[in-house]
Amino acid sequence: RPSPNCGALGTTCTPAELAAYDLWEWERL
């Protein structure tokens, strides 16, 4: 999982960081 954990409550992510988290989470699906 990329850091920071954009799925954690209260975590602030940049759009680029959220994109990395999205791809990680989507691949798990």
PDB file of all heavy atoms in Angstrom:
ATOM      1  N   ARG A   1       0.843  -1.189   0.000  1.00  0.00           N
ATOM      2  CA  ARG A   1       0.000   0.000   0.000  1.00  0.00           C
ATOM      3  C   ARG A   1       0.880   1.241   0.000  1.00  0.00           C
ATOM      4  O   ARG A   1       1.822   1.354   0.781  1.00  0.00           O
ATOM      5  CB  ARG A   1      -0.892  -0.005   1.235  1.00  0.00           C
ATOM      6  CG  ARG A   1      -1.881   1.163   1.290  1.00  0.00           C
ATOM      7  CD  ARG A   1      -2.694   1.106   2.567  1.00  0.00           C
ATOM      8  NE  ARG A   1      -1.849   1.219   3.743  1.00  0.00           N
ATOM      9  CZ  ARG A   1      -2.162   0.776   4.954  1.00  0.00           C
ATOM     10  NH1 ARG A   1      -3.303   0.144   5.143  1.00  0.00           N
ATOM     11  NH2 ARG A   1      -1.332   0.912   5.958  1.00  0.00           N
ATOM     12  N   PRO A   2       0.582   2.209  -0.863  1.00  0.00           N
ATOM     13  CA  PRO A   2       1.390   3.428  -0.909  1.00  0.00           C
ATOM     14  C   PRO A   2       1.197   4.275   0.338  1.00  0.00           C
ATOM     15  O   PRO A   2       0.179   4.167   1.035  1.00  0.00           O
ATOM     16  CB  PRO A   2       0.880   4.148  -2.166  1.00  0.00           C
ATOM     17  CG  PRO A   2      -0.511   3.640  -2.351  1.00  0.00           C
ATOM     18  CD  PRO A   2      -0.502   2.227  -1.860  1.00  0.00           C
ATOM     19  N   SER A   3       2.188   5.077   0.615  1.00  0.00           N
ATOM     20  CA  SER A   3       2.119   5.996   1.756  1.00  0.00           C
ATOM     21  C   SER A   3       2.009   7.421   1.227  1.00  0.00           C
ATOM     22  O   SER A   3       2.704   7.785   0.264  1.00  0.00           O
ATOM     23  CB  SER A   3       3.386   5.844   2.615  1.00  0.00           C
ATOM     24  OG  SER A   3       3.325   6.686   3.732  1.00  0.00           O
ATOM     25  N   PRO A   4       1.147   8.253   1.836  1.00  0.00           N
ATOM     26  CA  PRO A   4       0.295   7.968   2.991  1.00  0.00           C
ATOM     27  C   PRO A   4      -0.915   7.099   2.635  1.00  0.00           C
ATOM     28  O   PRO A   4      -1.238   6.943   1.455  1.00  0.00           O
ATOM     29  CB  PRO A   4      -0.160   9.361   3.428  1.00  0.00           C
ATOM     30  CG  PRO A   4      -0.175  10.158   2.159  1.00  0.00           C
ATOM     31  CD  PRO A   4       0.991   9.643   1.364  1.00  0.00           C
ATOM     32  N   ASN A   5      -1.548   6.563   3.674  1.00  0.00           N
ATOM     33  CA  ASN A   5      -2.735   5.735   3.500  1.00  0.00           C
ATOM     34  C   ASN A   5      -3.939   6.645   3.305  1.00  0.00           C
ATOM     35  O   ASN A   5      -4.559   7.094   4.270  1.00  0.00           O
ATOM     36  CB  ASN A   5      -2.926   4.836   4.726  1.00  0.00           C
ATOM     37  CG  ASN A   5      -4.171   3.953   4.602  1.00  0.00           C
ATOM     38  OD1 ASN A   5      -4.818   3.924   3.556  1.00  0.00           O
ATOM     39  ND2 ASN A   5      -4.500   3.260   5.672  1.00  0.00           N
ATOM     40  N   CYS A   6      -4.278   6.903   2.060  1.00  0.00           N
ATOM     41  CA  CYS A   6      -5.353   7.849   1.762  1.00  0.00           C
ATOM     42  C   CYS A   6      -6.729   7.296   2.122  1.00  0.00           C
ATOM     43  O   CYS A   6      -7.726   8.029   2.082  1.00  0.00           O
ATOM     44  CB  CYS A   6      -5.323   8.226   0.281  1.00  0.00           C
ATOM     45  SG  CYS A   6      -3.811   9.061  -0.218  1.00  0.00           S
ATOM     46  N   GLY A   7      -6.799   6.018   2.476  1.00  0.00           N
ATOM     47  CA  GLY A   7      -8.074   5.448   2.883  1.00  0.00           C
ATOM     48  C   GLY A   7      -8.350   5.596   4.359  1.00  0.00           C
ATOM     49  O   GLY A   7      -9.468   5.315   4.815  1.00  0.00           O
ATOM     50  N   ALA A   8      -7.362   6.039   5.123  1.00  0.00           N
ATOM     51  CA  ALA A   8      -7.531   6.196   6.563  1.00  0.00           C
ATOM     52  C   ALA A   8      -8.275   7.489   6.868  1.00  0.00           C
ATOM     53  O   ALA A   8      -8.049   8.527   6.224  1.00  0.00           O
ATOM     54  CB  ALA A   8      -6.182   6.194   7.265  1.00  0.00           C
ATOM     55  N   LEU A   9      -9.158   7.433   7.840  1.00  0.00           N
ATOM     56  CA  LEU A   9      -9.951   8.592   8.223  1.00  0.00           C
ATOM     57  C   LEU A   9      -9.038   9.718   8.710  1.00  0.00           C
ATOM     58  O   LEU A   9      -8.152   9.510   9.541  1.00  0.00           O
ATOM     59  CB  LEU A   9     -10.936   8.201   9.329  1.00  0.00           C
ATOM     60  CG  LEU A   9     -11.940   9.269   9.762  1.00  0.00           C
ATOM     61  CD1 LEU A   9     -12.867   9.623   8.603  1.00  0.00           C
ATOM     62  CD2 LEU A   9     -12.757   8.785  10.965  1.00  0.00           C
ATOM     63  N   GLY A  10      -9.251  10.915   8.184  1.00  0.00           N
ATOM     64  CA  GLY A  10      -8.491  12.084   8.613  1.00  0.00           C
ATOM     65  C   GLY A  10      -7.189  12.292   7.879  1.00  0.00           C
ATOM     66  O   GLY A  10      -6.483  13.286   8.127  1.00  0.00           O
ATOM     67  N   THR A  11      -6.815  11.387   6.973  1.00  0.00           N
ATOM     68  CA  THR A  11      -5.560  11.528   6.228  1.00  0.00           C
ATOM     69  C   THR A  11      -5.744  12.505   5.079  1.00  0.00           C
ATOM     70  O   THR A  11      -6.720  12.427   4.327  1.00  0.00           O
ATOM     71  CB  THR A  11      -5.100  10.171   5.673  1.00  0.00           C
ATOM     72  OG1 THR A  11      -4.940   9.252   6.745  1.00  0.00           O
ATOM     73  CG2 THR A  11      -3.776  10.313   4.933  1.00  0.00           C
ATOM     74  N   THR A  12      -4.823  13.446   4.957  1.00  0.00           N
ATOM     75  CA  THR A  12      -4.852  14.419   3.866  1.00  0.00           C
ATOM     76  C   THR A  12      -3.867  13.988   2.794  1.00  0.00           C
ATOM     77  O   THR A  12      -2.692  13.729   3.086  1.00  0.00           O
ATOM     78  CB  THR A  12      -4.477  15.815   4.371  1.00  0.00           C
ATOM     79  OG1 THR A  12      -5.410  16.208   5.390  1.00  0.00           O
ATOM     80  CG2 THR A  12      -4.515  16.826   3.232  1.00  0.00           C
ATOM     81  N   CYS A  13      -4.343  13.892   1.554  1.00  0.00           N
ATOM     82  CA  CYS A  13      -3.508  13.438   0.443  1.00  0.00           C
ATOM     83  C   CYS A  13      -3.584  14.432  -0.704  1.00  0.00           C
ATOM     84  O   CYS A  13      -4.623  15.061  -0.934  1.00  0.00           O
ATOM     85  CB  CYS A  13      -3.952  12.064  -0.050  1.00  0.00           C
ATOM     86  SG  CYS A  13      -3.735  10.724   1.135  1.00  0.00           S
ATOM     87  N   THR A  14      -2.489  14.545  -1.437  1.00  0.00           N
ATOM     88  CA  THR A  14      -2.495  15.325  -2.666  1.00  0.00           C
ATOM     89  C   THR A  14      -3.205  14.515  -3.746  1.00  0.00           C
ATOM     90  O   THR A  14      -3.370  13.283  -3.610  1.00  0.00           O
ATOM     91  CB  THR A  14      -1.069  15.637  -3.122  1.00  0.00           C
ATOM     92  OG1 THR A  14      -0.412  14.398  -3.486  1.00  0.00           O
ATOM     93  CG2 THR A  14      -0.269  16.320  -2.005  1.00  0.00           C
ATOM     94  N   PRO A  15      -3.635  15.162  -4.834  1.00  0.00           N
ATOM     95  CA  PRO A  15      -4.264  14.400  -5.911  1.00  0.00           C
ATOM     96  C   PRO A  15      -3.380  13.280  -6.445  1.00  0.00           C
ATOM     97  O   PRO A  15      -3.869  12.179  -6.744  1.00  0.00           O
ATOM     98  CB  PRO A  15      -4.528  15.457  -6.981  1.00  0.00           C
ATOM     99  CG  PRO A  15      -4.712  16.727  -6.205  1.00  0.00           C
ATOM    100  CD  PRO A  15      -3.740  16.625  -5.078  1.00  0.00           C
ATOM    101  N   ALA A  16      -2.066  13.520  -6.549  1.00  0.00           N
ATOM    102  CA  ALA A  16      -1.149  12.491  -7.047  1.00  0.00           C
ATOM    103  C   ALA A  16      -1.059  11.326  -6.062  1.00  0.00           C
ATOM    104  O   ALA A  16      -1.015  10.157  -6.461  1.00  0.00           O
ATOM    105  CB  ALA A  16       0.229  13.076  -7.298  1.00  0.00           C
ATOM    106  N   GLU A  17      -1.039  11.620  -4.754  1.00  0.00           N
ATOM    107  CA  GLU A  17      -0.993  10.564  -3.745  1.00  0.00           C
ATOM    108  C   GLU A  17      -2.283   9.740  -3.754  1.00  0.00           C
ATOM    109  O   GLU A  17      -2.257   8.519  -3.605  1.00  0.00           O
ATOM    110  CB  GLU A  17      -0.751  11.171  -2.365  1.00  0.00           C
ATOM    111  CG  GLU A  17       0.655  11.730  -2.190  1.00  0.00           C
ATOM    112  CD  GLU A  17       0.797  12.524  -0.901  1.00  0.00           C
ATOM    113  OE1 GLU A  17      -0.245  12.976  -0.356  1.00  0.00           O
ATOM    114  OE2 GLU A  17       1.950  12.726  -0.455  1.00  0.00           O
ATOM    115  N   LEU A  18      -3.409  10.431  -3.940  1.00  0.00           N
ATOM    116  CA  LEU A  18      -4.684   9.724  -4.004  1.00  0.00           C
ATOM    117  C   LEU A  18      -4.750   8.833  -5.243  1.00  0.00           C
ATOM    118  O   LEU A  18      -5.311   7.731  -5.200  1.00  0.00           O
ATOM    119  CB  LEU A  18      -5.848  10.711  -4.011  1.00  0.00           C
ATOM    120  CG  LEU A  18      -7.254  10.097  -4.055  1.00  0.00           C
ATOM    121  CD1 LEU A  18      -7.463   9.121  -2.899  1.00  0.00           C
ATOM    122  CD2 LEU A  18      -8.322  11.188  -4.031  1.00  0.00           C
ATOM    123  N   ALA A  19      -4.143   9.286  -6.348  1.00  0.00           N
ATOM    124  CA  ALA A  19      -4.113   8.471  -7.564  1.00  0.00           C
ATOM    125  C   ALA A  19      -3.351   7.172  -7.323  1.00  0.00           C
ATOM    126  O   ALA A  19      -3.784   6.092  -7.749  1.00  0.00           O
ATOM    127  CB  ALA A  19      -3.476   9.254  -8.705  1.00  0.00           C
ATOM    128  N   ALA A  20      -2.229   7.257  -6.624  1.00  0.00           N
ATOM    129  CA  ALA A  20      -1.451   6.052  -6.318  1.00  0.00           C
ATOM    130  C   ALA A  20      -2.244   5.112  -5.423  1.00  0.00           C
ATOM    131  O   ALA A  20      -2.241   3.888  -5.622  1.00  0.00           O
ATOM    132  CB  ALA A  20      -0.129   6.452  -5.654  1.00  0.00           C
ATOM    133  N   TYR A  21      -2.933   5.682  -4.437  1.00  0.00           N
ATOM    134  CA  TYR A  21      -3.752   4.849  -3.539  1.00  0.00           C
ATOM    135  C   TYR A  21      -4.913   4.227  -4.301  1.00  0.00           C
ATOM    136  O   TYR A  21      -5.240   3.052  -4.091  1.00  0.00           O
ATOM    137  CB  TYR A  21      -4.270   5.698  -2.379  1.00  0.00           C
ATOM    138  CG  TYR A  21      -5.120   4.904  -1.406  1.00  0.00           C
ATOM    139  CD1 TYR A  21      -4.540   4.164  -0.383  1.00  0.00           C
ATOM    140  CD2 TYR A  21      -6.515   4.881  -1.536  1.00  0.00           C
ATOM    141  CE1 TYR A  21      -5.316   3.419   0.495  1.00  0.00           C
ATOM    142  CE2 TYR A  21      -7.299   4.132  -0.661  1.00  0.00           C
ATOM    143  CZ  TYR A  21      -6.693   3.416   0.351  1.00  0.00           C
ATOM    144  OH  TYR A  21      -7.468   2.671   1.211  1.00  0.00           O
ATOM    145  N   ASP A  22      -5.539   5.002  -5.197  1.00  0.00           N
ATOM    146  CA  ASP A  22      -6.652   4.484  -5.996  1.00  0.00           C
ATOM    147  C   ASP A  22      -6.233   3.252  -6.788  1.00  0.00           C
ATOM    148  O   ASP A  22      -6.954   2.243  -6.834  1.00  0.00           O
ATOM    149  CB  ASP A  22      -7.156   5.553  -6.971  1.00  0.00           C
ATOM    150  CG  ASP A  22      -8.174   6.484  -6.340  1.00  0.00           C
ATOM    151  OD1 ASP A  22      -8.727   6.127  -5.281  1.00  0.00           O
ATOM    152  OD2 ASP A  22      -8.408   7.566  -6.906  1.00  0.00           O
ATOM    153  N   LEU A  23      -5.068   3.333  -7.448  1.00  0.00           N
ATOM    154  CA  LEU A  23      -4.617   2.213  -8.267  1.00  0.00           C
ATOM    155  C   LEU A  23      -4.304   0.986  -7.423  1.00  0.00           C
ATOM    156  O   LEU A  23      -4.603  -0.139  -7.818  1.00  0.00           O
ATOM    157  CB  LEU A  23      -3.383   2.626  -9.078  1.00  0.00           C
ATOM    158  CG  LEU A  23      -3.644   3.616 -10.214  1.00  0.00           C
ATOM    159  CD1 LEU A  23      -2.335   4.055 -10.847  1.00  0.00           C
ATOM    160  CD2 LEU A  23      -4.569   3.010 -11.276  1.00  0.00           C
ATOM    161  N   TRP A  24      -3.704   1.207  -6.250  1.00  0.00           N
ATOM    162  CA  TRP A  24      -3.424   0.085  -5.350  1.00  0.00           C
ATOM    163  C   TRP A  24      -4.732  -0.577  -4.899  1.00  0.00           C
ATOM    164  O   TRP A  24      -4.874  -1.801  -4.941  1.00  0.00           O
ATOM    165  CB  TRP A  24      -2.636   0.578  -4.140  1.00  0.00           C
ATOM    166  CG  TRP A  24      -2.485  -0.462  -3.062  1.00  0.00           C
ATOM    167  CD1 TRP A  24      -1.580  -1.478  -3.016  1.00  0.00           C
ATOM    168  CD2 TRP A  24      -3.299  -0.603  -1.880  1.00  0.00           C
ATOM    169  NE1 TRP A  24      -1.764  -2.245  -1.885  1.00  0.00           N
ATOM    170  CE2 TRP A  24      -2.805  -1.733  -1.173  1.00  0.00           C
ATOM    171  CE3 TRP A  24      -4.376   0.113  -1.355  1.00  0.00           C
ATOM    172  CZ2 TRP A  24      -3.364  -2.155   0.036  1.00  0.00           C
ATOM    173  CZ3 TRP A  24      -4.939  -0.316  -0.162  1.00  0.00           C
ATOM    174  CH2 TRP A  24      -4.430  -1.435   0.533  1.00  0.00           C
ATOM    175  N   GLU A  25      -5.693   0.240  -4.488  1.00  0.00           N
ATOM    176  CA  GLU A  25      -6.956  -0.297  -3.999  1.00  0.00           C
ATOM    177  C   GLU A  25      -7.737  -0.956  -5.130  1.00  0.00           C
ATOM    178  O   GLU A  25      -8.355  -2.017  -4.945  1.00  0.00           O
ATOM    179  CB  GLU A  25      -7.780   0.824  -3.366  1.00  0.00           C
ATOM    180  CG  GLU A  25      -9.043   0.346  -2.670  1.00  0.00           C
ATOM    181  CD  GLU A  25      -9.767   1.468  -1.971  1.00  0.00           C
ATOM    182  OE1 GLU A  25     -10.031   2.511  -2.613  1.00  0.00           O
ATOM    183  OE2 GLU A  25     -10.069   1.312  -0.773  1.00  0.00           O
ATOM    184  N   TRP A  26      -7.710  -0.350  -6.306  1.00  0.00           N
ATOM    185  CA  TRP A  26      -8.458  -0.893  -7.442  1.00  0.00           C
ATOM    186  C   TRP A  26      -7.880  -2.233  -7.882  1.00  0.00           C
ATOM    187  O   TRP A  26      -8.619  -3.155  -8.217  1.00  0.00           O
ATOM    188  CB  TRP A  26      -8.436   0.089  -8.612  1.00  0.00           C
ATOM    189  CG  TRP A  26      -9.309  -0.322  -9.760  1.00  0.00           C
ATOM    190  CD1 TRP A  26     -10.655  -0.149  -9.887  1.00  0.00           C
ATOM    191  CD2 TRP A  26      -8.881  -1.007 -10.959  1.00  0.00           C
ATOM    192  NE1 TRP A  26     -11.093  -0.670 -11.082  1.00  0.00           N
ATOM    193  CE2 TRP A  26     -10.032  -1.197 -11.760  1.00  0.00           C
ATOM    194  CE3 TRP A  26      -7.647  -1.439 -11.424  1.00  0.00           C
ATOM    195  CZ2 TRP A  26      -9.975  -1.823 -12.999  1.00  0.00           C
ATOM    196  CZ3 TRP A  26      -7.586  -2.079 -12.660  1.00  0.00           C
ATOM    197  CH2 TRP A  26      -8.745  -2.259 -13.427  1.00  0.00           C
ATOM    198  N   GLU A  27      -6.560  -2.339  -7.866  1.00  0.00           N
ATOM    199  CA  GLU A  27      -5.950  -3.613  -8.242  1.00  0.00           C
ATOM    200  C   GLU A  27      -6.327  -4.723  -7.263  1.00  0.00           C
ATOM    201  O   GLU A  27      -6.504  -5.877  -7.656  1.00  0.00           O
ATOM    202  CB  GLU A  27      -4.430  -3.489  -8.316  1.00  0.00           C
ATOM    203  CG  GLU A  27      -3.773  -4.774  -8.826  1.00  0.00           C
ATOM    204  CD  GLU A  27      -2.264  -4.719  -8.766  1.00  0.00           C
ATOM    205  OE1 GLU A  27      -1.715  -4.389  -7.683  1.00  0.00           O
ATOM    206  OE2 GLU A  27      -1.621  -5.002  -9.798  1.00  0.00           O
ATOM    207  N   ARG A  28      -6.472  -4.379  -6.001  1.00  0.00           N
ATOM    208  CA  ARG A  28      -6.895  -5.376  -5.020  1.00  0.00           C
ATOM    209  C   ARG A  28      -8.317  -5.870  -5.330  1.00  0.00           C
ATOM    210  O   ARG A  28      -8.627  -7.047  -5.147  1.00  0.00           O
ATOM    211  CB  ARG A  28      -6.817  -4.787  -3.607  1.00  0.00           C
ATOM    212  CG  ARG A  28      -5.392  -4.658  -3.107  1.00  0.00           C
ATOM    213  CD  ARG A  28      -5.330  -4.032  -1.728  1.00  0.00           C
ATOM    214  NE  ARG A  28      -6.023  -4.829  -0.716  1.00  0.00           N
ATOM    215  CZ  ARG A  28      -5.504  -5.903  -0.127  1.00  0.00           C
ATOM    216  NH1 ARG A  28      -4.289  -6.317  -0.439  1.00  0.00           N
ATOM    217  NH2 ARG A  28      -6.186  -6.568   0.800  1.00  0.00           N
ATOM    218  N   LEU A  29      -9.170  -4.972  -5.821  1.00  0.00           N
ATOM    219  CA  LEU A  29     -10.501  -5.397  -6.254  1.00  0.00           C
ATOM    220  C   LEU A  29     -10.392  -6.307  -7.479  1.00  0.00           C
ATOM    221  O   LEU A  29     -11.088  -7.324  -7.583  1.00  0.00           O
ATOM    222  CB  LEU A  29     -11.370  -4.181  -6.584  1.00  0.00           C
ATOM    223  CG  LEU A  29     -11.731  -3.262  -5.423  1.00  0.00           C
ATOM    224  CD1 LEU A  29     -12.496  -2.036  -5.948  1.00  0.00           C
ATOM    225  CD2 LEU A  29     -12.568  -3.998  -4.383  1.00  0.00           C
TER     226      LEU A  29
END
